């Protein structure tokens, strides 16, 4: 079983005591990253084999909807049933989705399989953060988050090549079936090391179905944004989904048994400020994520592979910065790095927008690298603050909520990016075989990127409110115990 005691102050994340947590983190983060990135490469081949080009967007959207929905439930389920049964169930669901996708004879079945994979991956990655919060000492949090950043970076770099080789020389179906050995390892680790049942003696309360349905409805409505070409309808979709999300959040905050921690986005606590920055940074990243590769191809006539690896420079610089920030132990320095990181994200966005407008390739590369340095300097530390500042009774829910908040921000950001792209005329004048015209890419693309610098700019302002004073006495006592 996993230990909760930090008996050896020299033990690292690969020591005997904490190796199971590290292995789970490696497997789950890698699986989630690869399954997220791989669809971009294999989707065209799936459509060629099975047809249904008009539904291709849902290969991406349903995975995200499932991932967010399950991630929101992870902390609640862990409190209700314990980590092991939920972890095993999620791993089994990943196997079912992978087999279904690998053997599917229609695009509808592949889309359903992607939804099941999303549910499984969202539950697994949120549960991993819950397990980390429960069992890993605070002093090791920077190292485990830096490792996660490295895994994401490697996945971003290697997945396009891996998926391309599979698609070209074997079959896109293998990209689904490769999950099966990983699932077996995860189940074995769960049975060996995770507690069998929850330690809570409280009677389980009725499951909050209404709130869950509100959340899923909001996410599904947002998913339709990817298929809209009318700005009025797109604005209506964003407004409707945002309203449902606000209603969900309001009901959840009043409930006795929550999906999300109380005062989730409160600007009066370090935890609330950190969650707010996490969401803002995710929304801000979407404008770049959705269109940067296409902009690189349209303005500088780069190949898809070259454009993909140029965009991946952000992931590499993110990893470099994360490995630096993981050595910071003093709260005052962590806050300084978060503020610096937020400023770098905003600056990188401004550089990228100007470079796209003027056609300066090396400047857009510098902007991407600067943005990555900002994320690597701030994101791991923001996660640490959320875990260490959350009250003990809400630690599982707070830890499990981090990934869904990020993914929800990304989904809404993608919808806003689509609205901006249409409103600014990014698609105007393009002919068959052309993504964007050079003029539209430079002008509308730059305007779109500028809009999305507003979100990290808000993050900079919010970071100024972070303090070295703990949110409550329990945080201070735990910090002293782990020092």
Protein backbone atom coordinates (compact mmCIF):
# COMPACT_ATOMS: atom_id res chain seq x y z
CA UNK A 1 0.00 0.00 0.00
CA UNK A 2 1.03 3.60 -0.52
CA UNK A 3 2.42 5.42 2.47
CA UNK A 4 1.35 8.84 3.68
CA UNK A 5 4.32 9.31 6.00
CA UNK A 6 7.47 11.12 4.93
CA UNK A 7 9.86 9.07 7.06
CA UNK A 8 12.94 9.64 4.90
CA UNK A 9 13.56 13.32 4.07
CA UNK A 10 16.06 12.26 1.38
CA UNK A 11 13.63 9.97 -0.47
CA UNK A 12 12.81 11.12 -3.99
CA UNK A 13 9.98 10.37 -6.38
CA UNK A 14 11.83 7.28 -7.63
CA UNK A 15 12.54 5.92 -4.14
CA UNK A 16 10.92 2.66 -3.08
CA UNK A 17 8.29 4.44 -0.98
CA UNK A 18 7.03 6.71 -3.76
CA UNK A 19 7.89 4.75 -6.92
CA UNK A 20 4.32 3.38 -7.35
CA UNK A 21 2.89 6.92 -7.41
CA UNK A 22 5.55 7.97 -9.91
CA UNK A 23 4.84 4.98 -12.17
CA UNK A 24 1.10 5.71 -12.11
CA UNK A 25 1.80 9.33 -12.95
CA UNK A 26 4.09 8.38 -15.85
CA UNK A 27 1.62 5.90 -17.34
CA UNK A 28 -1.50 8.03 -16.94
CA UNK A 29 -0.01 11.34 -18.08
CA UNK A 30 1.67 9.69 -21.08
CA UNK A 31 -1.51 7.86 -22.03
CA UNK A 32 -3.63 11.00 -21.74
CA UNK A 33 -1.18 13.11 -23.73
CA UNK A 34 -0.73 10.54 -26.50
CA UNK A 35 -4.47 9.81 -26.80
CA UNK A 36 -5.11 13.54 -26.96
CA UNK A 37 -2.46 14.35 -29.58
CA UNK A 38 -2.76 11.26 -31.74
CA UNK A 39 -6.21 12.01 -33.15
CA UNK A 40 -4.91 15.03 -35.05
CA UNK A 41 -2.71 12.70 -37.10
CA UNK A 42 -4.98 9.69 -37.55
CA UNK A 43 -8.33 11.47 -38.06
CA UNK A 44 -7.90 11.95 -41.84
CA UNK A 45 -7.11 8.25 -42.29
CA UNK A 46 -10.13 7.26 -40.20
CA UNK A 47 -12.40 9.39 -42.38
CA UNK A 48 -10.88 8.00 -45.59
CA UNK A 49 -11.57 4.44 -44.38
CA UNK A 50 -14.99 4.93 -42.78
CA UNK A 51 -16.42 8.12 -44.29
CA UNK A 52 -18.37 10.75 -42.34
CA UNK A 53 -16.09 13.73 -42.92
CA UNK A 54 -18.77 16.12 -41.62
CA UNK A 55 -18.63 14.42 -38.19
CA UNK A 56 -14.83 14.40 -37.88
CA UNK A 57 -14.84 17.27 -35.37
CA UNK A 58 -16.55 15.03 -32.81
CA UNK A 59 -13.50 12.78 -32.68
CA UNK A 60 -11.90 15.65 -30.77
CA UNK A 61 -14.93 17.19 -29.08
CA UNK A 62 -16.44 14.07 -27.49
CA UNK A 63 -13.06 13.06 -26.05
CA UNK A 64 -12.83 16.46 -24.34
CA UNK A 65 -16.43 16.36 -23.11
CA UNK A 66 -15.89 12.92 -21.61
CA UNK A 67 -12.56 13.90 -20.11
CA UNK A 68 -13.92 17.00 -18.39
CA UNK A 69 -17.09 15.30 -17.12
CA UNK A 70 -15.18 12.39 -15.61
CA UNK A 71 -12.48 14.66 -14.20
CA UNK A 72 -15.08 16.71 -12.35
CA UNK A 73 -16.51 13.52 -10.82
CA UNK A 74 -13.13 12.03 -9.85
CA UNK A 75 -12.71 13.67 -6.46
CA UNK A 76 -16.34 13.01 -5.53
CA UNK A 77 -16.11 9.36 -6.58
CA UNK A 78 -12.85 8.85 -4.72
CA UNK A 79 -14.45 10.12 -1.50
CA UNK A 80 -17.48 7.87 -2.06
CA UNK A 81 -15.84 4.63 -3.15
CA UNK A 82 -12.09 4.89 -2.57
CA UNK A 83 -9.29 5.24 -5.11
CA UNK A 84 -8.80 1.59 -6.12
CA UNK A 85 -12.26 0.65 -7.47
CA UNK A 86 -12.59 3.92 -9.40
CA UNK A 87 -9.08 3.62 -10.82
CA UNK A 88 -9.70 0.02 -11.94
CA UNK A 89 -13.09 0.92 -13.42
CA UNK A 90 -11.59 3.84 -15.36
CA UNK A 91 -8.73 1.68 -16.67
CA UNK A 92 -11.24 -0.98 -17.75
CA UNK A 93 -13.32 1.67 -19.53
CA UNK A 94 -10.17 2.81 -21.36
CA UNK A 95 -9.70 -0.77 -22.56
CA UNK A 96 -13.32 -0.99 -23.74
CA UNK A 97 -13.06 2.31 -25.62
CA UNK A 98 -9.75 1.32 -27.17
CA UNK A 99 -11.03 -2.06 -28.38
CA UNK A 100 -14.20 -0.45 -29.74
CA UNK A 101 -12.19 2.17 -31.63
CA UNK A 102 -9.71 -0.35 -32.97
CA UNK A 103 -12.41 -2.67 -34.29
CA UNK A 104 -15.02 -0.08 -35.35
CA UNK A 105 -16.64 -0.37 -38.78
CA UNK A 106 -18.25 3.10 -38.78
CA UNK A 107 -17.20 6.60 -37.78
CA UNK A 108 -20.07 6.77 -35.28
CA UNK A 109 -18.54 3.87 -33.34
CA UNK A 110 -15.10 5.50 -33.41
CA UNK A 111 -16.62 8.73 -32.05
CA UNK A 112 -18.36 6.76 -29.28
CA UNK A 113 -15.06 5.02 -28.54
CA UNK A 114 -13.34 8.41 -28.27
CA UNK A 115 -16.01 9.49 -25.79
CA UNK A 116 -15.36 6.41 -23.65
CA UNK A 117 -11.62 7.03 -23.85
CA UNK A 118 -12.20 10.61 -22.75
CA UNK A 119 -14.25 9.49 -19.74
CA UNK A 120 -11.54 7.02 -18.76
CA UNK A 121 -8.61 9.37 -19.31
CA UNK A 122 -10.29 12.25 -17.48
CA UNK A 123 -11.01 10.05 -14.48
CA UNK A 124 -7.52 8.52 -14.44
CA UNK A 125 -5.55 11.76 -14.68
CA UNK A 126 -7.68 13.50 -12.05
CA UNK A 127 -7.39 10.48 -9.74
CA UNK A 128 -3.61 10.53 -10.14
CA UNK A 129 -3.53 14.11 -8.85
CA UNK A 130 -5.79 13.08 -5.96
CA UNK A 131 -3.43 10.20 -5.09
CA UNK A 132 -0.45 12.57 -5.35
CA UNK A 133 -2.16 15.02 -2.99
CA UNK A 134 -2.99 12.24 -0.51
CA UNK A 135 0.33 10.40 -0.45
CA UNK A 136 3.20 12.51 -1.79
CA UNK A 137 5.02 14.90 0.58
CA UNK A 138 4.77 18.59 -0.28
CA UNK A 139 8.53 18.77 -0.87
CA UNK A 140 8.21 16.32 -3.79
CA UNK A 141 5.32 18.06 -5.55
CA UNK A 142 7.64 20.23 -7.70
CA UNK A 143 9.49 17.15 -8.95
CA UNK A 144 6.37 15.18 -9.85
CA UNK A 145 4.89 18.16 -11.70
CA UNK A 146 8.16 18.76 -13.54
CA UNK A 147 8.12 15.10 -14.56
CA UNK A 148 4.56 15.52 -15.85
CA UNK A 149 5.63 18.54 -17.90
CA UNK A 150 8.46 16.50 -19.40
CA UNK A 151 6.08 13.69 -20.31
CA UNK A 152 3.71 16.11 -22.05
CA UNK A 153 6.63 17.63 -23.93
CA UNK A 154 7.94 14.25 -25.09
CA UNK A 155 4.43 13.20 -26.13
CA UNK A 156 3.95 16.43 -28.10
CA UNK A 157 7.22 15.81 -29.94
CA UNK A 158 7.01 12.05 -30.49
CA UNK A 159 3.29 11.42 -31.06
CA UNK A 160 3.06 12.93 -34.57
CA UNK A 161 5.96 10.77 -35.77
CA UNK A 162 4.68 7.67 -33.95
CA UNK A 163 1.14 8.10 -35.27
CA UNK A 164 2.35 8.89 -38.78
CA UNK A 165 4.45 5.73 -38.94
CA UNK A 166 1.59 3.60 -37.60
CA UNK A 167 -0.87 5.07 -40.08
CA UNK A 168 1.47 4.76 -43.05
CA UNK A 169 2.94 1.31 -42.43
CA UNK A 170 0.40 -0.52 -40.25
CA UNK A 171 -3.06 0.94 -39.55
CA UNK A 172 -4.67 3.76 -37.61
CA UNK A 173 -6.48 1.05 -35.62
CA UNK A 174 -3.24 0.15 -33.83
CA UNK A 175 -3.23 3.65 -32.33
CA UNK A 176 -6.28 2.60 -30.32
CA UNK A 177 -5.12 -0.90 -29.41
CA UNK A 178 -1.72 0.19 -28.04
CA UNK A 179 -3.56 1.22 -24.84
CA UNK A 180 -4.29 -2.38 -23.84
CA UNK A 181 -0.89 -3.31 -22.32
CA UNK A 182 -0.88 0.01 -20.46
CA UNK A 183 -4.33 -0.74 -19.01
CA UNK A 184 -3.13 -4.08 -17.66
CA UNK A 185 -0.17 -2.43 -15.90
CA UNK A 186 -2.42 0.27 -14.40
CA UNK A 187 -4.85 -2.30 -13.01
CA UNK A 188 -2.01 -4.32 -11.47
CA UNK A 189 -0.56 -1.18 -9.85
CA UNK A 190 -3.98 -0.19 -8.51
CA UNK A 191 -4.62 -3.60 -6.94
CA UNK A 192 -1.13 -3.71 -5.46
CA UNK A 193 -0.79 -0.21 -4.04
CA UNK A 194 -4.07 1.73 -3.82
CA UNK A 195 -6.34 1.46 -0.75
CA UNK A 196 -9.27 -0.89 -1.24
CA UNK A 197 -11.99 1.47 0.00
CA UNK A 198 -12.55 4.98 1.24
CA UNK A 199 -11.58 5.75 4.82
CA UNK A 200 -14.68 7.92 5.32
CA UNK A 201 -17.34 6.56 7.69
CA UNK A 202 -19.97 9.01 6.44
CA UNK A 203 -23.09 7.67 4.76
CA UNK A 204 -23.04 8.37 1.00
CA UNK A 205 -25.42 11.12 -0.09
CA UNK A 206 -27.62 10.93 -3.20
CA UNK A 207 -25.56 11.37 -6.35
CA UNK A 208 -25.96 14.90 -7.79
CA UNK A 209 -27.36 13.88 -11.19
CA UNK A 210 -28.90 17.28 -11.98
CA UNK A 211 -25.60 19.11 -11.68
CA UNK A 212 -23.80 16.50 -13.75
CA UNK A 213 -26.41 16.76 -16.52
CA UNK A 214 -26.05 20.56 -16.52
CA UNK A 215 -22.30 20.22 -16.91
CA UNK A 216 -22.52 17.66 -19.72
CA UNK A 217 -25.17 19.75 -21.52
CA UNK A 218 -22.96 22.84 -21.32
CA UNK A 219 -19.97 20.95 -22.70
CA UNK A 220 -21.94 19.30 -25.52
CA UNK A 221 -23.41 22.65 -26.56
CA UNK A 222 -19.91 24.12 -26.58
CA UNK A 223 -18.79 21.18 -28.71
CA UNK A 224 -21.15 22.27 -31.48
CA UNK A 225 -19.18 25.52 -31.75
CA UNK A 226 -16.59 23.70 -33.83
CA UNK A 227 -19.14 23.14 -36.59
CA UNK A 228 -20.61 26.67 -36.70
CA UNK A 229 -19.75 29.11 -39.47
CA UNK A 230 -22.24 31.84 -38.50
CA UNK A 231 -20.98 34.33 -35.91
CA UNK A 232 -24.48 34.93 -34.53
CA UNK A 233 -25.12 31.23 -33.89
CA UNK A 234 -21.63 30.82 -32.49
CA UNK A 235 -22.15 33.71 -30.07
CA UNK A 236 -25.49 32.17 -29.03
CA UNK A 237 -23.84 28.81 -28.39
CA UNK A 238 -21.09 30.37 -26.27
CA UNK A 239 -23.65 32.39 -24.29
CA UNK A 240 -25.90 29.35 -23.72
CA UNK A 241 -23.08 27.05 -22.61
CA UNK A 242 -21.61 29.77 -20.38
CA UNK A 243 -25.01 30.27 -18.72
CA UNK A 244 -25.35 26.55 -18.04
CA UNK A 245 -21.83 26.48 -16.58
CA UNK A 246 -22.66 29.40 -14.26
CA UNK A 247 -25.83 27.63 -13.09
CA UNK A 248 -23.84 24.42 -12.54
CA UNK A 249 -21.20 26.28 -10.50
CA UNK A 250 -23.83 28.12 -8.43
CA UNK A 251 -25.70 24.91 -7.58
CA UNK A 252 -22.45 23.09 -6.83
CA UNK A 253 -21.24 25.76 -4.40
CA UNK A 254 -24.51 25.50 -2.42
CA UNK A 255 -24.51 21.70 -2.31
CA UNK A 256 -23.45 19.66 0.70
CA UNK A 257 -21.56 17.24 -1.54
CA UNK A 258 -19.66 19.07 -4.23
CA UNK A 259 -17.93 18.28 -7.49
CA UNK A 260 -15.75 21.36 -7.02
CA UNK A 261 -14.13 22.84 -3.88
CA UNK A 262 -15.89 25.77 -2.18
CA UNK A 263 -14.98 29.30 -3.29
CA UNK A 264 -13.45 27.84 -6.44
CA UNK A 265 -12.65 31.16 -8.13
CA UNK A 266 -12.56 33.37 -5.03
CA UNK A 267 -9.97 36.13 -5.34
CA UNK A 268 -9.72 36.30 -1.54
CA UNK A 269 -7.70 33.08 -1.15
CA UNK A 270 -4.53 31.71 -2.71
CA UNK A 271 -6.38 28.56 -3.77
CA UNK A 272 -9.14 30.55 -5.50
CA UNK A 273 -6.64 32.83 -7.23
CA UNK A 274 -4.69 29.79 -8.40
CA UNK A 275 -7.77 28.09 -9.86
CA UNK A 276 -8.71 31.34 -11.61
CA UNK A 277 -5.25 31.65 -13.17
CA UNK A 278 -5.34 27.99 -14.20
CA UNK A 279 -8.59 28.58 -16.09
CA UNK A 280 -7.50 31.88 -17.65
CA UNK A 281 -4.20 30.45 -18.88
CA UNK A 282 -6.06 27.52 -20.47
CA UNK A 283 -8.50 29.80 -22.28
CA UNK A 284 -5.59 31.96 -23.44
CA UNK A 285 -3.71 28.97 -24.79
CA UNK A 286 -6.59 27.92 -27.04
CA UNK A 287 -6.24 30.67 -29.63
CA UNK A 288 -2.66 29.61 -30.26
CA UNK A 289 -3.30 25.87 -30.03
CA UNK A 290 -6.20 25.84 -32.50
CA UNK A 291 -4.63 27.95 -35.25
CA UNK A 292 -0.86 28.36 -34.83
CA UNK A 293 0.13 25.35 -36.98
CA UNK A 294 -2.20 26.46 -39.78
CA UNK A 295 -0.85 30.03 -39.53
CA UNK A 296 2.73 28.79 -39.81
CA UNK A 297 1.83 26.75 -42.89
CA UNK A 298 -0.09 29.61 -44.52
CA UNK A 299 2.38 32.45 -43.91
CA UNK A 300 5.72 30.67 -44.22
CA UNK A 301 4.60 27.73 -46.44
CA UNK A 302 5.92 25.18 -43.95
CA UNK A 303 5.21 21.45 -44.18
CA UNK A 304 2.78 20.04 -41.59
CA UNK A 305 5.66 18.28 -39.83
CA UNK A 306 7.87 21.40 -39.73
CA UNK A 307 4.98 23.55 -38.52
CA UNK A 308 4.11 20.98 -35.87
CA UNK A 309 7.62 20.87 -34.50
CA UNK A 310 7.87 24.68 -34.56
CA UNK A 311 4.73 24.82 -32.42
CA UNK A 312 6.23 22.12 -30.17
CA UNK A 313 9.08 24.52 -29.26
CA UNK A 314 6.66 25.83 -26.66
CA UNK A 315 6.50 22.38 -25.04
CA UNK A 316 10.28 22.08 -24.94
CA UNK A 317 10.78 25.47 -23.27
CA UNK A 318 7.91 24.66 -20.91
CA UNK A 319 9.78 21.55 -19.76
CA UNK A 320 13.04 23.43 -19.30
CA UNK A 321 11.38 26.06 -17.13
CA UNK A 322 9.45 23.44 -15.14
CA UNK A 323 12.66 21.63 -14.22
CA UNK A 324 14.03 24.97 -12.97
CA UNK A 325 10.96 25.99 -11.00
CA UNK A 326 10.75 22.60 -9.29
CA UNK A 327 13.73 23.52 -7.12
CA UNK A 328 11.91 26.44 -5.51
CA UNK A 329 10.83 25.80 -1.92
CA UNK A 330 10.16 29.25 -0.42
CA UNK A 331 6.61 30.49 -0.89
CA UNK A 332 7.78 34.02 -1.66
CA UNK A 333 9.93 32.76 -4.54
CA UNK A 334 7.11 30.56 -5.83
CA UNK A 335 4.85 33.60 -5.99
CA UNK A 336 7.56 35.58 -7.76
CA UNK A 337 7.96 32.82 -10.35
CA UNK A 338 4.20 32.62 -10.91
CA UNK A 339 4.07 36.37 -11.53
CA UNK A 340 7.06 36.17 -13.83
CA UNK A 341 5.51 33.21 -15.66
CA UNK A 342 2.21 35.00 -16.18
CA UNK A 343 4.09 38.00 -17.56
CA UNK A 344 6.09 35.79 -19.92
CA UNK A 345 2.92 34.11 -21.22
CA UNK A 346 1.42 37.51 -21.98
CA UNK A 347 4.66 38.77 -23.53
CA UNK A 348 5.03 35.65 -25.67
CA UNK A 349 1.49 36.12 -26.95
CA UNK A 350 2.19 39.74 -27.89
CA UNK A 351 5.41 38.75 -29.66
CA UNK A 352 3.64 35.99 -31.60
CA UNK A 353 0.82 38.33 -32.65
CA UNK A 354 3.26 40.99 -33.87
CA UNK A 355 5.41 38.40 -35.65
CA UNK A 356 2.41 36.92 -37.47
CA UNK A 357 1.28 40.41 -38.52
CA UNK A 358 4.71 41.40 -39.83
CA UNK A 359 5.74 37.97 -41.13
CA UNK A 360 8.81 37.53 -38.89
CA UNK A 361 9.32 33.80 -38.44
CA UNK A 362 12.15 33.98 -35.90
CA UNK A 363 10.10 36.36 -33.77
CA UNK A 364 7.11 34.03 -33.73
CA UNK A 365 9.48 31.24 -32.68
CA UNK A 366 10.79 33.49 -29.90
CA UNK A 367 7.21 34.20 -28.88
CA UNK A 368 6.38 30.51 -28.63
CA UNK A 369 9.51 29.80 -26.60
CA UNK A 370 8.76 32.75 -24.30
CA UNK A 371 5.22 31.51 -23.79
CA UNK A 372 6.50 28.02 -22.94
CA UNK A 373 8.95 29.45 -20.42
CA UNK A 374 6.02 31.28 -18.83
CA UNK A 375 3.88 28.17 -18.52
CA UNK A 376 6.77 26.12 -17.15
CA UNK A 377 7.61 28.80 -14.59
CA UNK A 378 4.06 29.16 -13.30
CA UNK A 379 1.80 26.15 -13.94
CA UNK A 380 3.58 23.57 -11.73
CA UNK A 381 3.74 26.09 -8.88
CA UNK A 382 0.06 27.00 -9.28
CA UNK A 383 -0.82 23.32 -8.92
CA UNK A 384 1.34 23.06 -5.81
CA UNK A 385 -0.48 25.99 -4.21
CA UNK A 386 -3.87 24.43 -4.97
CA UNK A 387 -2.88 21.13 -3.37
CA UNK A 388 -1.12 22.62 -0.33
CA UNK A 389 -3.64 25.41 0.33
CA UNK A 390 -6.82 23.32 0.04
CA UNK A 391 -8.51 22.32 3.34
CA UNK A 392 -8.02 18.69 4.30
CA UNK A 393 -11.71 17.81 3.84
CA UNK A 394 -11.67 19.23 0.30
CA UNK A 395 -8.19 18.12 -0.77
CA UNK A 396 -9.37 15.22 -2.94
CA UNK A 397 -11.98 17.34 -4.71
CA UNK A 398 -9.58 20.27 -5.20
CA UNK A 399 -6.81 18.04 -6.54
CA UNK A 400 -9.20 16.27 -8.90
CA UNK A 401 -10.64 19.58 -10.14
CA UNK A 402 -7.39 20.96 -11.57
CA UNK A 403 -7.42 19.05 -14.85
CA UNK A 404 -11.16 19.57 -15.58
CA UNK A 405 -10.76 23.32 -15.01
CA UNK A 406 -7.89 23.38 -17.51
CA UNK A 407 -9.78 21.33 -20.10
CA UNK A 408 -12.97 23.36 -19.67
CA UNK A 409 -10.95 26.52 -20.25
CA UNK A 410 -9.50 24.96 -23.38
CA UNK A 411 -12.94 24.01 -24.73
CA UNK A 412 -14.37 27.49 -24.16
CA UNK A 413 -11.19 29.04 -25.52
CA UNK A 414 -11.50 27.00 -28.70
CA UNK A 415 -15.09 28.20 -29.13
CA UNK A 416 -14.02 31.82 -28.65
CA UNK A 417 -11.16 31.27 -31.10
CA UNK A 418 -13.62 29.98 -33.69
CA UNK A 419 -15.82 33.03 -33.18
CA UNK A 420 -12.84 35.39 -33.56
CA UNK A 421 -11.58 33.56 -36.65
CA UNK A 422 -14.91 34.00 -38.42
CA UNK A 423 -15.47 37.55 -37.19
CA UNK A 424 -11.98 38.70 -38.23
CA UNK A 425 -12.17 37.02 -41.65
CA UNK A 426 -9.48 34.38 -41.17
CA UNK A 427 -11.15 32.08 -43.71
CA UNK A 428 -11.91 34.78 -46.29
CA UNK A 429 -10.53 34.29 -49.78
CA UNK A 430 -9.15 30.77 -49.28
CA UNK A 431 -9.56 28.43 -52.25
CA UNK A 432 -9.59 24.63 -52.45
CA UNK A 433 -6.32 23.17 -51.18
CA UNK A 434 -5.49 26.35 -49.25
CA UNK A 435 -5.87 26.76 -45.48
CA UNK A 436 -5.81 30.57 -45.27
CA UNK A 437 -4.60 33.25 -47.64
CA UNK A 438 -1.35 34.88 -46.58
CA UNK A 439 -3.09 38.23 -46.11
CA UNK A 440 -5.88 36.78 -43.97
CA UNK A 441 -3.41 34.74 -41.92
CA UNK A 442 -1.25 37.77 -41.17
CA UNK A 443 -4.04 40.25 -40.41
CA UNK A 444 -6.86 38.16 -38.95
CA UNK A 445 -4.42 35.70 -37.36
CA UNK A 446 -2.56 38.49 -35.58
CA UNK A 447 -5.83 40.01 -34.35
CA UNK A 448 -6.97 36.65 -33.01
CA UNK A 449 -3.70 36.09 -31.14
CA UNK A 450 -3.94 39.60 -29.69
CA UNK A 451 -7.41 38.88 -28.28
CA UNK A 452 -6.06 35.87 -26.43
CA UNK A 453 -3.29 37.86 -24.73
CA UNK A 454 -6.05 39.41 -22.60
CA UNK A 455 -6.44 36.19 -20.62
CA UNK A 456 -2.83 35.90 -19.37
CA UNK A 457 -2.93 39.68 -18.78
CA UNK A 458 -5.79 39.09 -16.34
CA UNK A 459 -3.70 36.29 -14.85
CA UNK A 460 -0.87 38.77 -14.24
CA UNK A 461 -3.24 41.03 -12.29
CA UNK A 462 -4.62 38.14 -10.24
CA UNK A 463 -1.11 36.87 -9.45
CA UNK A 464 -0.42 40.18 -7.71
CA UNK A 465 -2.93 39.12 -5.05
CA UNK A 466 -1.02 35.96 -4.06
CA UNK A 467 0.37 36.15 -0.53
CA UNK A 468 2.77 34.16 1.64
CA UNK A 469 0.07 34.00 4.33
CA UNK A 470 -1.61 30.55 4.38
CA UNK A 471 -5.32 30.41 3.55
CA UNK A 472 -5.98 28.75 6.92
CA UNK A 473 -4.09 27.44 9.96
CA UNK A 474 -4.16 23.83 8.76
CA UNK A 475 -1.93 24.75 5.80
CA UNK A 476 0.67 26.28 8.08
CA UNK A 477 0.67 23.23 10.38
CA UNK A 478 1.06 20.82 7.45
CA UNK A 479 3.86 22.90 5.97
CA UNK A 480 5.74 22.84 9.26
CA UNK A 481 5.25 19.08 9.56
CA UNK A 482 6.64 18.47 6.09
CA UNK A 483 9.50 20.95 6.34
